[in-house]
Amino acid sequence: MKDRYLEITYRNGRPLAAYLYLRRKTNANSYQTKKISDGLVADFDEKGNVIGLEIISPVTTTTADINNALKHLELRPVSEIELSPLMAA
């Protein structure tokens, strides 16, 4: 199992997108996606387990937005410390 972590993609020094990898099996791949809210898309493996959260607009997405999406997915919230690289970008 891999624990969750945040990955941010930059272009020209600005955040372009971000991805919150959630706890999942090592070889889990995205099989299906579902829009959770504006700017947030959940990825699911082929067994229907949520494996990640795409943050399409990292500049405008807040910690509350992400935690609302995680609540909708019945997952534990993230702390501001976990998202501090995203908020600093």
PDB file of N, CA and C in Angstrom:
ATOM      1  N   MET A   1       0.831  -1.191   0.000  1.00  0.00           N
ATOM      2  CA  MET A   1       0.000   0.000   0.000  1.00  0.00           C
ATOM      3  C   MET A   1       0.871   1.249   0.000  1.00  0.00           C
ATOM      4  N   LYS A   2       0.434   2.204  -0.769  1.00  0.00           N
ATOM      5  CA  LYS A   2       1.098   3.499  -0.771  1.00  0.00           C
ATOM      6  C   LYS A   2       0.219   4.496  -0.028  1.00  0.00           C
ATOM      7  N   ASP A   3       0.839   5.345   0.770  1.00  0.00           N
ATOM      8  CA  ASP A   3       0.098   6.384   1.475  1.00  0.00           C
ATOM      9  C   ASP A   3      -0.178   7.543   0.533  1.00  0.00           C
ATOM     10  N   ARG A   4      -1.021   8.456   0.964  1.00  0.00           N
ATOM     11  CA  ARG A   4      -1.363   9.572   0.081  1.00  0.00           C
ATOM     12  C   ARG A   4      -0.252  10.618   0.071  1.00  0.00           C
ATOM     13  N   TYR A   5      -0.155  11.268  -1.078  1.00  0.00           N
ATOM     14  CA  TYR A   5       0.806  12.353  -1.244  1.00  0.00           C
ATOM     15  C   TYR A   5       0.336  13.263  -2.369  1.00  0.00           C
ATOM     16  N   LEU A   6       0.875  14.458  -2.378  1.00  0.00           N
ATOM     17  CA  LEU A   6       0.478  15.488  -3.340  1.00  0.00           C
ATOM     18  C   LEU A   6       1.566  15.677  -4.378  1.00  0.00           C
ATOM     19  N   GLU A   7       1.159  15.776  -5.641  1.00  0.00           N
ATOM     20  CA  GLU A   7       2.094  16.053  -6.736  1.00  0.00           C
ATOM     21  C   GLU A   7       1.575  17.277  -7.489  1.00  0.00           C
ATOM     22  N   ILE A   8       2.451  18.234  -7.730  1.00  0.00           N
ATOM     23  CA  ILE A   8       2.068  19.457  -8.434  1.00  0.00           C
ATOM     24  C   ILE A   8       2.869  19.554  -9.715  1.00  0.00           C
ATOM     25  N   THR A   9       2.195  19.865 -10.813  1.00  0.00           N
ATOM     26  CA  THR A   9       2.846  20.060 -12.103  1.00  0.00           C
ATOM     27  C   THR A   9       2.895  21.551 -12.394  1.00  0.00           C
ATOM     28  N   TYR A  10       4.085  22.023 -12.748  1.00  0.00           N
ATOM     29  CA  TYR A  10       4.288  23.445 -13.033  1.00  0.00           C
ATOM     30  C   TYR A  10       4.598  23.649 -14.517  1.00  0.00           C
ATOM     31  N   ARG A  11       4.207  24.804 -15.026  1.00  0.00           N
ATOM     32  CA  ARG A  11       4.603  25.227 -16.364  1.00  0.00           C
ATOM     33  C   ARG A  11       4.975  26.697 -16.252  1.00  0.00           C
ATOM     34  N   ASN A  12       6.163  27.020 -16.700  1.00  0.00           N
ATOM     35  CA  ASN A  12       6.680  28.390 -16.625  1.00  0.00           C
ATOM     36  C   ASN A  12       6.621  28.943 -15.201  1.00  0.00           C
ATOM     37  N   GLY A  13       6.914  28.087 -14.228  1.00  0.00           N
ATOM     38  CA  GLY A  13       6.961  28.511 -12.842  1.00  0.00           C
ATOM     39  C   GLY A  13       5.615  28.661 -12.156  1.00  0.00           C
ATOM     40  N   ARG A  14       4.539  28.334 -12.848  1.00  0.00           N
ATOM     41  CA  ARG A  14       3.195  28.450 -12.271  1.00  0.00           C
ATOM     42  C   ARG A  14       2.554  27.072 -12.187  1.00  0.00           C
ATOM     43  N   PRO A  15       1.761  26.830 -11.127  1.00  0.00           N
ATOM     44  CA  PRO A  15       1.104  25.526 -11.013  1.00  0.00           C
ATOM     45  C   PRO A  15       0.060  25.333 -12.110  1.00  0.00           C
ATOM     46  N   LEU A  16       0.195  24.261 -12.842  1.00  0.00           N
ATOM     47  CA  LEU A  16      -0.717  23.952 -13.939  1.00  0.00           C
ATOM     48  C   LEU A  16      -1.826  23.007 -13.472  1.00  0.00           C
ATOM     49  N   ALA A  17      -1.450  22.014 -12.693  1.00  0.00           N
ATOM     50  CA  ALA A  17      -2.395  21.025 -12.178  1.00  0.00           C
ATOM     51  C   ALA A  17      -1.772  20.373 -10.956  1.00  0.00           C
ATOM     52  N   ALA A  18      -2.595  19.657 -10.212  1.00  0.00           N
ATOM     53  CA  ALA A  18      -2.098  18.923  -9.052  1.00  0.00           C
ATOM     54  C   ALA A  18      -2.883  17.624  -8.939  1.00  0.00           C
ATOM     55  N   TYR A  19      -2.286  16.680  -8.235  1.00  0.00           N
ATOM     56  CA  TYR A  19      -2.924  15.380  -8.059  1.00  0.00           C
ATOM     57  C   TYR A  19      -2.664  14.914  -6.640  1.00  0.00           C
ATOM     58  N   LEU A  20      -3.733  14.588  -5.942  1.00  0.00           N
ATOM     59  CA  LEU A  20      -3.622  14.044  -4.598  1.00  0.00           C
ATOM     60  C   LEU A  20      -3.766  12.527  -4.716  1.00  0.00           C
ATOM     61  N   TYR A  21      -2.628  11.842  -4.625  1.00  0.00           N
ATOM     62  CA  TYR A  21      -2.646  10.382  -4.650  1.00  0.00           C
ATOM     63  C   TYR A  21      -3.168   9.904  -3.309  1.00  0.00           C
ATOM     64  N   LEU A  22      -4.157   9.039  -3.331  1.00  0.00           N
ATOM     65  CA  LEU A  22      -4.758   8.527  -2.107  1.00  0.00           C
ATOM     66  C   LEU A  22      -4.210   7.142  -1.806  1.00  0.00           C
ATOM     67  N   ARG A  23      -4.460   6.669  -0.598  1.00  0.00           N
ATOM     68  CA  ARG A  23      -3.986   5.344  -0.208  1.00  0.00           C
ATOM     69  C   ARG A  23      -4.540   4.311  -1.184  1.00  0.00           C
ATOM     70  N   ARG A  24      -3.632   3.518  -1.740  1.00  0.00           N
ATOM     71  CA  ARG A  24      -4.033   2.562  -2.771  1.00  0.00           C
ATOM     72  C   ARG A  24      -3.017   1.443  -2.873  1.00  0.00           C
ATOM     73  N   LYS A  25      -3.369   0.417  -3.602  1.00  0.00           N
ATOM     74  CA  LYS A  25      -2.419  -0.664  -3.856  1.00  0.00           C
ATOM     75  C   LYS A  25      -1.341  -0.144  -4.803  1.00  0.00           C
ATOM     76  N   THR A  26      -0.174  -0.710  -4.711  1.00  0.00           N
ATOM     77  CA  THR A  26       0.984  -0.247  -5.468  1.00  0.00           C
ATOM     78  C   THR A  26       0.725  -0.196  -6.969  1.00  0.00           C
ATOM     79  N   ASN A  27       0.074  -1.186  -7.529  1.00  0.00           N
ATOM     80  CA  ASN A  27      -0.116  -1.255  -8.985  1.00  0.00           C
ATOM     81  C   ASN A  27      -1.469  -0.723  -9.446  1.00  0.00           C
ATOM     82  N   ALA A  28      -2.178   0.005  -8.620  1.00  0.00           N
ATOM     83  CA  ALA A  28      -3.506   0.499  -8.985  1.00  0.00           C
ATOM     84  C   ALA A  28      -3.404   1.550 -10.090  1.00  0.00           C
ATOM     85  N   ASN A  29      -4.247   1.423 -11.082  1.00  0.00           N
ATOM     86  CA  ASN A  29      -4.314   2.372 -12.195  1.00  0.00           C
ATOM     87  C   ASN A  29      -5.726   2.928 -12.304  1.00  0.00           C
ATOM     88  N   SER A  30      -5.817   4.117 -12.882  1.00  0.00           N
ATOM     89  CA  SER A  30      -7.119   4.735 -13.075  1.00  0.00           C
ATOM     90  C   SER A  30      -7.896   3.992 -14.150  1.00  0.00           C
ATOM     91  N   TYR A  31      -9.119   3.626 -13.803  1.00  0.00           N
ATOM     92  CA  TYR A  31      -9.999   2.901 -14.707  1.00  0.00           C
ATOM     93  C   TYR A  31     -11.214   3.742 -15.076  1.00  0.00           C
ATOM     94  N   GLN A  32     -11.632   4.602 -14.135  1.00  0.00           N
ATOM     95  CA  GLN A  32     -12.815   5.430 -14.337  1.00  0.00           C
ATOM     96  C   GLN A  32     -12.630   6.745 -13.586  1.00  0.00           C
ATOM     97  N   THR A  33     -13.224   7.810 -14.109  1.00  0.00           N
ATOM     98  CA  THR A  33     -13.169   9.111 -13.437  1.00  0.00           C
ATOM     99  C   THR A  33     -14.581   9.612 -13.187  1.00  0.00           C
ATOM    100  N   LYS A  34     -14.696  10.489 -12.175  1.00  0.00           N
ATOM    101  CA  LYS A  34     -15.987  11.082 -11.857  1.00  0.00           C
ATOM    102  C   LYS A  34     -15.748  12.509 -11.382  1.00  0.00           C
ATOM    103  N   LYS A  35     -16.440  13.456 -12.005  1.00  0.00           N
ATOM    104  CA  LYS A  35     -16.343  14.847 -11.571  1.00  0.00           C
ATOM    105  C   LYS A  35     -17.021  14.962 -10.210  1.00  0.00           C
ATOM    106  N   ILE A  36     -16.286  15.503  -9.245  1.00  0.00           N
ATOM    107  CA  ILE A  36     -16.810  15.669  -7.902  1.00  0.00           C
ATOM    108  C   ILE A  36     -17.357  17.082  -7.721  1.00  0.00           C
ATOM    109  N   SER A  37     -16.622  18.052  -8.243  1.00  0.00           N
ATOM    110  CA  SER A  37     -17.053  19.451  -8.208  1.00  0.00           C
ATOM    111  C   SER A  37     -16.255  20.186  -9.274  1.00  0.00           C
ATOM    112  N   ASP A  38     -16.529  21.477  -9.445  1.00  0.00           N
ATOM    113  CA  ASP A  38     -15.755  22.241 -10.414  1.00  0.00           C
ATOM    114  C   ASP A  38     -14.280  22.188 -10.031  1.00  0.00           C
ATOM    115  N   GLY A  39     -13.469  21.691 -10.927  1.00  0.00           N
ATOM    116  CA  GLY A  39     -12.029  21.653 -10.704  1.00  0.00           C
ATOM    117  C   GLY A  39     -11.512  20.440  -9.966  1.00  0.00           C
ATOM    118  N   LEU A  40     -12.386  19.506  -9.572  1.00  0.00           N
ATOM    119  CA  LEU A  40     -11.954  18.305  -8.856  1.00  0.00           C
ATOM    120  C   LEU A  40     -12.571  17.064  -9.489  1.00  0.00           C
ATOM    121  N   VAL A  41     -11.703  16.112  -9.844  1.00  0.00           N
ATOM    122  CA  VAL A  41     -12.132  14.873 -10.478  1.00  0.00           C
ATOM    123  C   VAL A  41     -11.514  13.706  -9.718  1.00  0.00           C
ATOM    124  N   ALA A  42     -12.331  12.731  -9.351  1.00  0.00           N
ATOM    125  CA  ALA A  42     -11.842  11.545  -8.643  1.00  0.00           C
ATOM    126  C   ALA A  42     -11.532  10.446  -9.646  1.00  0.00           C
ATOM    127  N   ASP A  43     -10.438   9.737  -9.401  1.00  0.00           N
ATOM    128  CA  ASP A  43     -10.050   8.576 -10.202  1.00  0.00           C
ATOM    129  C   ASP A  43     -10.297   7.311  -9.393  1.00  0.00           C
ATOM    130  N   PHE A  44     -10.828   6.287 -10.067  1.00  0.00           N
ATOM    131  CA  PHE A  44     -11.148   5.023  -9.425  1.00  0.00           C
ATOM    132  C   PHE A  44     -10.429   3.890 -10.142  1.00  0.00           C
ATOM    133  N   ASP A  45     -10.033   2.854  -9.391  1.00  0.00           N
ATOM    134  CA  ASP A  45      -9.450   1.677 -10.022  1.00  0.00           C
ATOM    135  C   ASP A  45     -10.574   0.805 -10.567  1.00  0.00           C
ATOM    136  N   GLU A  46     -10.233  -0.310 -11.159  1.00  0.00           N
ATOM    137  CA  GLU A  46     -11.266  -1.138 -11.795  1.00  0.00           C
ATOM    138  C   GLU A  46     -12.196  -1.823 -10.802  1.00  0.00           C
ATOM    139  N   LYS A  47     -11.834  -1.820  -9.518  1.00  0.00           N
ATOM    140  CA  LYS A  47     -12.719  -2.381  -8.494  1.00  0.00           C
ATOM    141  C   LYS A  47     -13.598  -1.314  -7.856  1.00  0.00           C
ATOM    142  N   GLY A  48     -13.467  -0.068  -8.319  1.00  0.00           N
ATOM    143  CA  GLY A  48     -14.297   1.010  -7.803  1.00  0.00           C
ATOM    144  C   GLY A  48     -13.723   1.746  -6.603  1.00  0.00           C
ATOM    145  N   ASN A  49     -12.476   1.439  -6.247  1.00  0.00           N
ATOM    146  CA  ASN A  49     -11.813   2.130  -5.143  1.00  0.00           C
ATOM    147  C   ASN A  49     -11.236   3.455  -5.628  1.00  0.00           C
ATOM    148  N   VAL A  50     -11.479   4.518  -4.869  1.00  0.00           N
ATOM    149  CA  VAL A  50     -10.927   5.812  -5.250  1.00  0.00           C
ATOM    150  C   VAL A  50      -9.412   5.791  -5.002  1.00  0.00           C
ATOM    151  N   ILE A  51      -8.646   6.204  -6.012  1.00  0.00           N
ATOM    152  CA  ILE A  51      -7.186   6.154  -5.893  1.00  0.00           C
ATOM    153  C   ILE A  51      -6.531   7.533  -5.957  1.00  0.00           C
ATOM    154  N   GLY A  52      -7.278   8.544  -6.385  1.00  0.00           N
ATOM    155  CA  GLY A  52      -6.678   9.864  -6.472  1.00  0.00           C
ATOM    156  C   GLY A  52      -7.696  10.942  -6.769  1.00  0.00           C
ATOM    157  N   LEU A  53      -7.252  12.165  -6.568  1.00  0.00           N
ATOM    158  CA  LEU A  53      -8.100  13.324  -6.790  1.00  0.00           C
ATOM    159  C   LEU A  53      -7.334  14.309  -7.669  1.00  0.00           C
ATOM    160  N   GLU A  54      -7.844  14.520  -8.879  1.00  0.00           N
ATOM    161  CA  GLU A  54      -7.244  15.491  -9.790  1.00  0.00           C
ATOM    162  C   GLU A  54      -7.690  16.885  -9.387  1.00  0.00           C
ATOM    163  N   ILE A  55      -6.725  17.775  -9.226  1.00  0.00           N
ATOM    164  CA  ILE A  55      -7.008  19.167  -8.880  1.00  0.00           C
ATOM    165  C   ILE A  55      -6.688  19.975 -10.134  1.00  0.00           C
ATOM    166  N   ILE A  56      -7.723  20.257 -10.900  1.00  0.00           N
ATOM    167  CA  ILE A  56      -7.552  20.834 -12.226  1.00  0.00           C
ATOM    168  C   ILE A  56      -7.135  22.296 -12.177  1.00  0.00           C
ATOM    169  N   SER A  57      -7.588  23.006 -11.175  1.00  0.00           N
ATOM    170  CA  SER A  57      -7.241  24.419 -11.047  1.00  0.00           C
ATOM    171  C   SER A  57      -6.624  24.672  -9.668  1.00  0.00           C
ATOM    172  N   PRO A  58      -5.343  24.349  -9.516  1.00  0.00           N
ATOM    173  CA  PRO A  58      -4.733  24.453  -8.192  1.00  0.00           C
ATOM    174  C   PRO A  58      -4.678  25.872  -7.635  1.00  0.00           C
ATOM    175  N   VAL A  59      -4.719  26.868  -8.501  1.00  0.00           N
ATOM    176  CA  VAL A  59      -4.649  28.254  -8.035  1.00  0.00           C
ATOM    177  C   VAL A  59      -5.935  28.676  -7.334  1.00  0.00           C
ATOM    178  N   THR A  60      -7.071  28.155  -7.769  1.00  0.00           N
ATOM    179  CA  THR A  60      -8.348  28.578  -7.203  1.00  0.00           C
ATOM    180  C   THR A  60      -8.961  27.567  -6.236  1.00  0.00           C
ATOM    181  N   THR A  61      -8.389  26.379  -6.131  1.00  0.00           N
ATOM    182  CA  THR A  61      -8.932  25.343  -5.261  1.00  0.00           C
ATOM    183  C   THR A  61      -8.447  25.550  -3.828  1.00  0.00           C
ATOM    184  N   THR A  62      -9.355  25.449  -2.886  1.00  0.00           N
ATOM    185  CA  THR A  62      -9.019  25.653  -1.474  1.00  0.00           C
ATOM    186  C   THR A  62      -8.958  24.318  -0.732  1.00  0.00           C
ATOM    187  N   THR A  63      -8.408  24.371   0.458  1.00  0.00           N
ATOM    188  CA  THR A  63      -8.394  23.195   1.323  1.00  0.00           C
ATOM    189  C   THR A  63      -9.824  22.735   1.590  1.00  0.00           C
ATOM    190  N   ALA A  64     -10.735  23.669   1.806  1.00  0.00           N
ATOM    191  CA  ALA A  64     -12.143  23.324   2.045  1.00  0.00           C
ATOM    192  C   ALA A  64     -12.739  22.605   0.838  1.00  0.00           C
ATOM    193  N   ASP A  65     -12.418  23.046  -0.379  1.00  0.00           N
ATOM    194  CA  ASP A  65     -12.914  22.376  -1.586  1.00  0.00           C
ATOM    195  C   ASP A  65     -12.460  20.917  -1.619  1.00  0.00           C
ATOM    196  N   ILE A  66     -11.194  20.717  -1.338  1.00  0.00           N
ATOM    197  CA  ILE A  66     -10.633  19.362  -1.375  1.00  0.00           C
ATOM    198  C   ILE A  66     -11.242  18.511  -0.266  1.00  0.00           C
ATOM    199  N   ASN A  67     -11.386  19.067   0.921  1.00  0.00           N
ATOM    200  CA  ASN A  67     -11.971  18.304   2.020  1.00  0.00           C
ATOM    201  C   ASN A  67     -13.451  18.001   1.786  1.00  0.00           C
ATOM    202  N   ASN A  68     -14.174  18.880   1.133  1.00  0.00           N
ATOM    203  CA  ASN A  68     -15.571  18.583   0.771  1.00  0.00           C
ATOM    204  C   ASN A  68     -15.630  17.415  -0.206  1.00  0.00           C
ATOM    205  N   ALA A  69     -14.711  17.394  -1.163  1.00  0.00           N
ATOM    206  CA  ALA A  69     -14.657  16.285  -2.120  1.00  0.00           C
ATOM    207  C   ALA A  69     -14.309  14.984  -1.404  1.00  0.00           C
ATOM    208  N   LEU A  70     -13.340  15.033  -0.491  1.00  0.00           N
ATOM    209  CA  LEU A  70     -12.965  13.833   0.255  1.00  0.00           C
ATOM    210  C   LEU A  70     -14.112  13.351   1.140  1.00  0.00           C
ATOM    211  N   LYS A  71     -14.840  14.278   1.728  1.00  0.00           N
ATOM    212  CA  LYS A  71     -16.007  13.910   2.538  1.00  0.00           C
ATOM    213  C   LYS A  71     -17.047  13.209   1.671  1.00  0.00           C
ATOM    214  N   HIS A  72     -17.279  13.751   0.474  1.00  0.00           N
ATOM    215  CA  HIS A  72     -18.214  13.139  -0.474  1.00  0.00           C
ATOM    216  C   HIS A  72     -17.786  11.703  -0.812  1.00  0.00           C
ATOM    217  N   LEU A  73     -16.478  11.484  -0.871  1.00  0.00           N
ATOM    218  CA  LEU A  73     -15.936  10.161  -1.182  1.00  0.00           C
ATOM    219  C   LEU A  73     -15.767   9.285   0.064  1.00  0.00           C
ATOM    220  N   GLU A  74     -16.201   9.809   1.217  1.00  0.00           N
ATOM    221  CA  GLU A  74     -16.110   9.119   2.499  1.00  0.00           C
ATOM    222  C   GLU A  74     -14.673   8.802   2.887  1.00  0.00           C
ATOM    223  N   LEU A  75     -13.793   9.793   2.686  1.00  0.00           N
ATOM    224  CA  LEU A  75     -12.384   9.677   3.031  1.00  0.00           C
ATOM    225  C   LEU A  75     -12.018  10.730   4.061  1.00  0.00           C
ATOM    226  N   ARG A  76     -10.953  10.485   4.786  1.00  0.00           N
ATOM    227  CA  ARG A  76     -10.538  11.433   5.816  1.00  0.00           C
ATOM    228  C   ARG A  76     -10.022  12.713   5.172  1.00  0.00           C
ATOM    229  N   PRO A  77     -10.216  13.840   5.834  1.00  0.00           N
ATOM    230  CA  PRO A  77      -9.794  15.132   5.283  1.00  0.00           C
ATOM    231  C   PRO A  77      -8.276  15.280   5.293  1.00  0.00           C
ATOM    232  N   VAL A  78      -7.804  16.228   4.506  1.00  0.00           N
ATOM    233  CA  VAL A  78      -6.379  16.571   4.506  1.00  0.00           C
ATOM    234  C   VAL A  78      -6.185  17.779   5.408  1.00  0.00           C
ATOM    235  N   SER A  79      -4.995  17.895   5.931  1.00  0.00           N
ATOM    236  CA  SER A  79      -4.677  19.057   6.755  1.00  0.00           C
ATOM    237  C   SER A  79      -4.081  20.142   5.870  1.00  0.00           C
ATOM    238  N   GLU A  80      -4.064  21.341   6.381  1.00  0.00           N
ATOM    239  CA  GLU A  80      -3.445  22.437   5.635  1.00  0.00           C
ATOM    240  C   GLU A  80      -1.965  22.179   5.426  1.00  0.00           C
ATOM    241  N   ILE A  81      -1.335  21.479   6.354  1.00  0.00           N
ATOM    242  CA  ILE A  81       0.087  21.166   6.208  1.00  0.00           C
ATOM    243  C   ILE A  81       0.311  20.255   5.007  1.00  0.00           C
ATOM    244  N   GLU A  82      -0.569  19.256   4.824  1.00  0.00           N
ATOM    245  CA  GLU A  82      -0.447  18.356   3.674  1.00  0.00           C
ATOM    246  C   GLU A  82      -0.571  19.107   2.352  1.00  0.00           C
ATOM    247  N   LEU A  83      -1.404  20.147   2.350  1.00  0.00           N
ATOM    248  CA  LEU A  83      -1.640  20.906   1.117  1.00  0.00           C
ATOM    249  C   LEU A  83      -0.791  22.174   1.038  1.00  0.00           C
ATOM    250  N   SER A  84       0.093  22.393   1.995  1.00  0.00           N
ATOM    251  CA  SER A  84       0.862  23.639   2.010  1.00  0.00           C
ATOM    252  C   SER A  84       1.663  23.865   0.718  1.00  0.00           C
ATOM    253  N   PRO A  85       2.226  22.843   0.072  1.00  0.00           N
ATOM    254  CA  PRO A  85       2.906  23.131  -1.209  1.00  0.00           C
ATOM    255  C   PRO A  85       1.952  23.673  -2.277  1.00  0.00           C
ATOM    256  N   LEU A  86       0.733  23.178  -2.269  1.00  0.00           N
ATOM    257  CA  LEU A  86      -0.265  23.629  -3.232  1.00  0.00           C
ATOM    258  C   LEU A  86      -0.685  25.079  -2.927  1.00  0.00           C
ATOM    259  N   MET A  87      -0.908  25.371  -1.670  1.00  0.00           N
ATOM    260  CA  MET A  87      -1.337  26.703  -1.288  1.00  0.00           C
ATOM    261  C   MET A  87      -0.221  27.733  -1.459  1.00  0.00           C
ATOM    262  N   ALA A  88       1.021  27.292  -1.350  1.00  0.00           N
ATOM    263  CA  ALA A  88       2.158  28.187  -1.549  1.00  0.00           C
ATOM    264  C   ALA A  88       2.396  28.496  -3.021  1.00  0.00           C
ATOM    265  N   ALA A  89       1.927  27.585  -3.881  1.00  0.00           N
ATOM    266  CA  ALA A  89       2.135  27.754  -5.316  1.00  0.00           C
ATOM    267  C   ALA A  89       1.255  28.873  -5.796  1.00  0.00           C
TER     268      ALA A  89
END
